[in-house]
């Protein structure tokens, strides 16, 4: 699995690009790094490109990620807006969107990068 984290050109959001399979341990590491950069730059919007990534966690692991891991990590801004883009036909991330939203986080998933960019703006 490979990933990169950067500030968007317009400085409106943190961009996280993930390639390869992902699980909650890798996601927490990446999210912490992204949120620390967001805190440093004064940005609380995150665009996560997962069009080349599949979630390999079980439903239980995804639930723990949303309700426990994300809320217990000091680095994570739980008030941030997180926009996720996944590949057409990839449903491996659908449950994580549901449980993170149910846990009180502002998360929205799209299949189109254009729609995601419009939403985050």
C-alpha atoms as a PDB file:
ATOM      1  CA  UNK A   1       0.000   0.000   0.000  1.00  0.00           C
ATOM      2  CA  UNK A   2       1.226   3.448  -0.957  1.00  0.00           C
ATOM      3  CA  UNK A   3      -0.116   6.858   0.031  1.00  0.00           C
ATOM      4  CA  UNK A   4       0.629  10.566  -0.150  1.00  0.00           C
ATOM      5  CA  UNK A   5      -0.603  13.550   1.843  1.00  0.00           C
ATOM      6  CA  UNK A   6      -0.520  17.142   0.626  1.00  0.00           C
ATOM      7  CA  UNK A   7      -2.224  20.512   0.885  1.00  0.00           C
ATOM      8  CA  UNK A   8      -4.429  21.337  -2.112  1.00  0.00           C
ATOM      9  CA  UNK A   9      -3.221  24.104  -4.424  1.00  0.00           C
ATOM     10  CA  UNK A  10      -6.005  26.414  -3.249  1.00  0.00           C
ATOM     11  CA  UNK A  11      -5.203  25.508   0.388  1.00  0.00           C
ATOM     12  CA  UNK A  12      -8.853  24.592   1.051  1.00  0.00           C
ATOM     13  CA  UNK A  13      -8.302  20.946   1.971  1.00  0.00           C
ATOM     14  CA  UNK A  14      -5.766  18.255   2.776  1.00  0.00           C
ATOM     15  CA  UNK A  15      -5.496  15.695  -0.034  1.00  0.00           C
ATOM     16  CA  UNK A  16      -4.840  12.058   0.862  1.00  0.00           C
ATOM     17  CA  UNK A  17      -4.244   9.621  -2.017  1.00  0.00           C
ATOM     18  CA  UNK A  18      -4.235   5.900  -1.167  1.00  0.00           C
ATOM     19  CA  UNK A  19      -3.241   3.034  -3.455  1.00  0.00           C
ATOM     20  CA  UNK A  20      -3.603  -0.630  -2.511  1.00  0.00           C
ATOM     21  CA  UNK A  21      -5.488  -2.499   0.182  1.00  0.00           C
ATOM     22  CA  UNK A  22      -6.199  -0.640   3.407  1.00  0.00           C
ATOM     23  CA  UNK A  23      -7.116  -1.690   6.935  1.00  0.00           C
ATOM     24  CA  UNK A  24      -7.852   0.242  10.112  1.00  0.00           C
ATOM     25  CA  UNK A  25      -4.229   0.278  11.323  1.00  0.00           C
ATOM     26  CA  UNK A  26      -2.974   1.812   8.081  1.00  0.00           C
ATOM     27  CA  UNK A  27      -5.954   4.166   7.922  1.00  0.00           C
ATOM     28  CA  UNK A  28      -5.315   5.436  11.465  1.00  0.00           C
ATOM     29  CA  UNK A  29      -1.646   6.117  10.670  1.00  0.00           C
ATOM     30  CA  UNK A  30      -2.581   8.021   7.511  1.00  0.00           C
ATOM     31  CA  UNK A  31      -5.468   9.889   9.143  1.00  0.00           C
ATOM     32  CA  UNK A  32      -3.291  10.987  12.045  1.00  0.00           C
ATOM     33  CA  UNK A  33      -0.638  12.314   9.654  1.00  0.00           C
ATOM     34  CA  UNK A  34      -3.263  14.107   7.553  1.00  0.00           C
ATOM     35  CA  UNK A  35      -4.993  15.665  10.560  1.00  0.00           C
ATOM     36  CA  UNK A  36      -1.703  16.811  12.058  1.00  0.00           C
ATOM     37  CA  UNK A  37      -0.909  18.545   8.761  1.00  0.00           C
ATOM     38  CA  UNK A  38      -4.405  20.026   8.732  1.00  0.00           C
ATOM     39  CA  UNK A  39      -3.948  21.349  12.252  1.00  0.00           C
ATOM     40  CA  UNK A  40      -0.557  22.832  11.335  1.00  0.00           C
ATOM     41  CA  UNK A  41      -1.986  24.516   8.214  1.00  0.00           C
ATOM     42  CA  UNK A  42      -5.305  25.581   9.770  1.00  0.00           C
ATOM     43  CA  UNK A  43      -7.335  23.363   7.433  1.00  0.00           C
ATOM     44  CA  UNK A  44     -10.206  21.126   8.564  1.00  0.00           C
ATOM     45  CA  UNK A  45     -11.378  19.640   5.252  1.00  0.00           C
ATOM     46  CA  UNK A  46      -9.978  16.373   3.893  1.00  0.00           C
ATOM     47  CA  UNK A  47     -10.342  14.842   0.442  1.00  0.00           C
ATOM     48  CA  UNK A  48      -9.427  11.146   0.413  1.00  0.00           C
ATOM     49  CA  UNK A  49      -8.903   9.527  -2.995  1.00  0.00           C
ATOM     50  CA  UNK A  50      -9.450   5.793  -2.554  1.00  0.00           C
ATOM     51  CA  UNK A  51     -10.241   4.957  -6.164  1.00  0.00           C
ATOM     52  CA  UNK A  52      -7.245   2.608  -6.215  1.00  0.00           C
ATOM     53  CA  UNK A  53      -7.782   1.184  -2.721  1.00  0.00           C
ATOM     54  CA  UNK A  54      -9.980  -1.516  -1.244  1.00  0.00           C
ATOM     55  CA  UNK A  55     -10.970  -1.819   2.408  1.00  0.00           C
ATOM     56  CA  UNK A  56      -9.994  -5.268   3.729  1.00  0.00           C
ATOM     57  CA  UNK A  57     -11.351  -4.916   7.281  1.00  0.00           C
ATOM     58  CA  UNK A  58     -14.237  -6.911   8.668  1.00  0.00           C
ATOM     59  CA  UNK A  59     -17.470  -5.195   9.660  1.00  0.00           C
ATOM     60  CA  UNK A  60     -16.422  -5.416  13.314  1.00  0.00           C
ATOM     61  CA  UNK A  61     -13.051  -3.797  12.585  1.00  0.00           C
ATOM     62  CA  UNK A  62     -14.749  -0.996  10.639  1.00  0.00           C
ATOM     63  CA  UNK A  63     -17.168  -0.400  13.503  1.00  0.00           C
ATOM     64  CA  UNK A  64     -14.271  -0.209  16.013  1.00  0.00           C
ATOM     65  CA  UNK A  65     -12.424   2.181  13.695  1.00  0.00           C
ATOM     66  CA  UNK A  66     -15.391   4.549  13.517  1.00  0.00           C
ATOM     67  CA  UNK A  67     -16.592   4.436  17.118  1.00  0.00           C
ATOM     68  CA  UNK A  68     -13.363   3.847  19.012  1.00  0.00           C
ATOM     69  CA  UNK A  69     -10.148   4.489  17.091  1.00  0.00           C
ATOM     70  CA  UNK A  70     -11.133   7.758  15.394  1.00  0.00           C
ATOM     71  CA  UNK A  71     -12.699   9.231  18.543  1.00  0.00           C
ATOM     72  CA  UNK A  72      -9.877   8.262  20.901  1.00  0.00           C
ATOM     73  CA  UNK A  73      -6.988   9.612  18.821  1.00  0.00           C
ATOM     74  CA  UNK A  74      -5.968  13.095  19.974  1.00  0.00           C
ATOM     75  CA  UNK A  75      -4.632  13.889  16.505  1.00  0.00           C
ATOM     76  CA  UNK A  76      -8.034  13.498  14.838  1.00  0.00           C
ATOM     77  CA  UNK A  77     -10.342  16.508  14.465  1.00  0.00           C
ATOM     78  CA  UNK A  78     -13.752  14.867  14.761  1.00  0.00           C
ATOM     79  CA  UNK A  79     -15.437  18.081  13.579  1.00  0.00           C
ATOM     80  CA  UNK A  80     -13.581  18.008  10.255  1.00  0.00           C
ATOM     81  CA  UNK A  81     -15.281  17.438   6.922  1.00  0.00           C
ATOM     82  CA  UNK A  82     -14.014  14.267   5.237  1.00  0.00           C
ATOM     83  CA  UNK A  83     -14.889  13.597   1.609  1.00  0.00           C
ATOM     84  CA  UNK A  84     -13.988  10.183   0.193  1.00  0.00           C
ATOM     85  CA  UNK A  85     -13.877   9.197  -3.467  1.00  0.00           C
ATOM     86  CA  UNK A  86     -14.068   5.491  -4.290  1.00  0.00           C
ATOM     87  CA  UNK A  87     -14.018   3.555  -7.541  1.00  0.00           C
ATOM     88  CA  UNK A  88     -17.182   2.804  -9.452  1.00  0.00           C
ATOM     89  CA  UNK A  89     -18.345  -0.653  -8.368  1.00  0.00           C
ATOM     90  CA  UNK A  90     -16.226  -0.726  -5.189  1.00  0.00           C
ATOM     91  CA  UNK A  91     -18.507  -1.252  -2.189  1.00  0.00           C
ATOM     92  CA  UNK A  92     -15.736  -2.128   0.287  1.00  0.00           C
ATOM     93  CA  UNK A  93     -15.862   1.379   1.830  1.00  0.00           C
ATOM     94  CA  UNK A  94     -19.652   1.728   2.085  1.00  0.00           C
ATOM     95  CA  UNK A  95     -20.029   0.465   5.649  1.00  0.00           C
ATOM     96  CA  UNK A  96     -17.249   2.695   6.989  1.00  0.00           C
ATOM     97  CA  UNK A  97     -19.062   5.742   5.597  1.00  0.00           C
ATOM     98  CA  UNK A  98     -22.239   4.688   7.408  1.00  0.00           C
ATOM     99  CA  UNK A  99     -20.633   3.984  10.783  1.00  0.00           C
ATOM    100  CA  UNK A 100     -18.402   7.068  10.798  1.00  0.00           C
ATOM    101  CA  UNK A 101     -21.419   9.246  10.035  1.00  0.00           C
ATOM    102  CA  UNK A 102     -23.447   7.458  12.716  1.00  0.00           C
ATOM    103  CA  UNK A 103     -20.612   8.048  15.190  1.00  0.00           C
ATOM    104  CA  UNK A 104     -20.984  11.802  14.680  1.00  0.00           C
ATOM    105  CA  UNK A 105     -18.327  12.549  12.076  1.00  0.00           C
ATOM    106  CA  UNK A 106     -18.946  14.563   8.895  1.00  0.00           C
ATOM    107  CA  UNK A 107     -18.077  12.014   6.209  1.00  0.00           C
ATOM    108  CA  UNK A 108     -19.450  11.821   2.680  1.00  0.00           C
ATOM    109  CA  UNK A 109     -18.529   9.364  -0.061  1.00  0.00           C
ATOM    110  CA  UNK A 110     -18.646   9.910  -3.819  1.00  0.00           C
ATOM    111  CA  UNK A 111     -17.843   7.884  -6.939  1.00  0.00           C
ATOM    112  CA  UNK A 112     -17.000  11.026  -8.916  1.00  0.00           C
ATOM    113  CA  UNK A 113     -13.991  13.249  -8.174  1.00  0.00           C
ATOM    114  CA  UNK A 114     -15.800  16.223  -9.741  1.00  0.00           C
ATOM    115  CA  UNK A 115     -18.778  15.793  -7.406  1.00  0.00           C
ATOM    116  CA  UNK A 116     -16.456  15.384  -4.414  1.00  0.00           C
ATOM    117  CA  UNK A 117     -14.563  18.571  -5.295  1.00  0.00           C
ATOM    118  CA  UNK A 118     -17.825  20.473  -5.715  1.00  0.00           C
ATOM    119  CA  UNK A 119     -19.054  19.213  -2.339  1.00  0.00           C
ATOM    120  CA  UNK A 120     -15.857  20.057  -0.446  1.00  0.00           C
ATOM    121  CA  UNK A 121     -15.779  23.577  -1.878  1.00  0.00           C
END
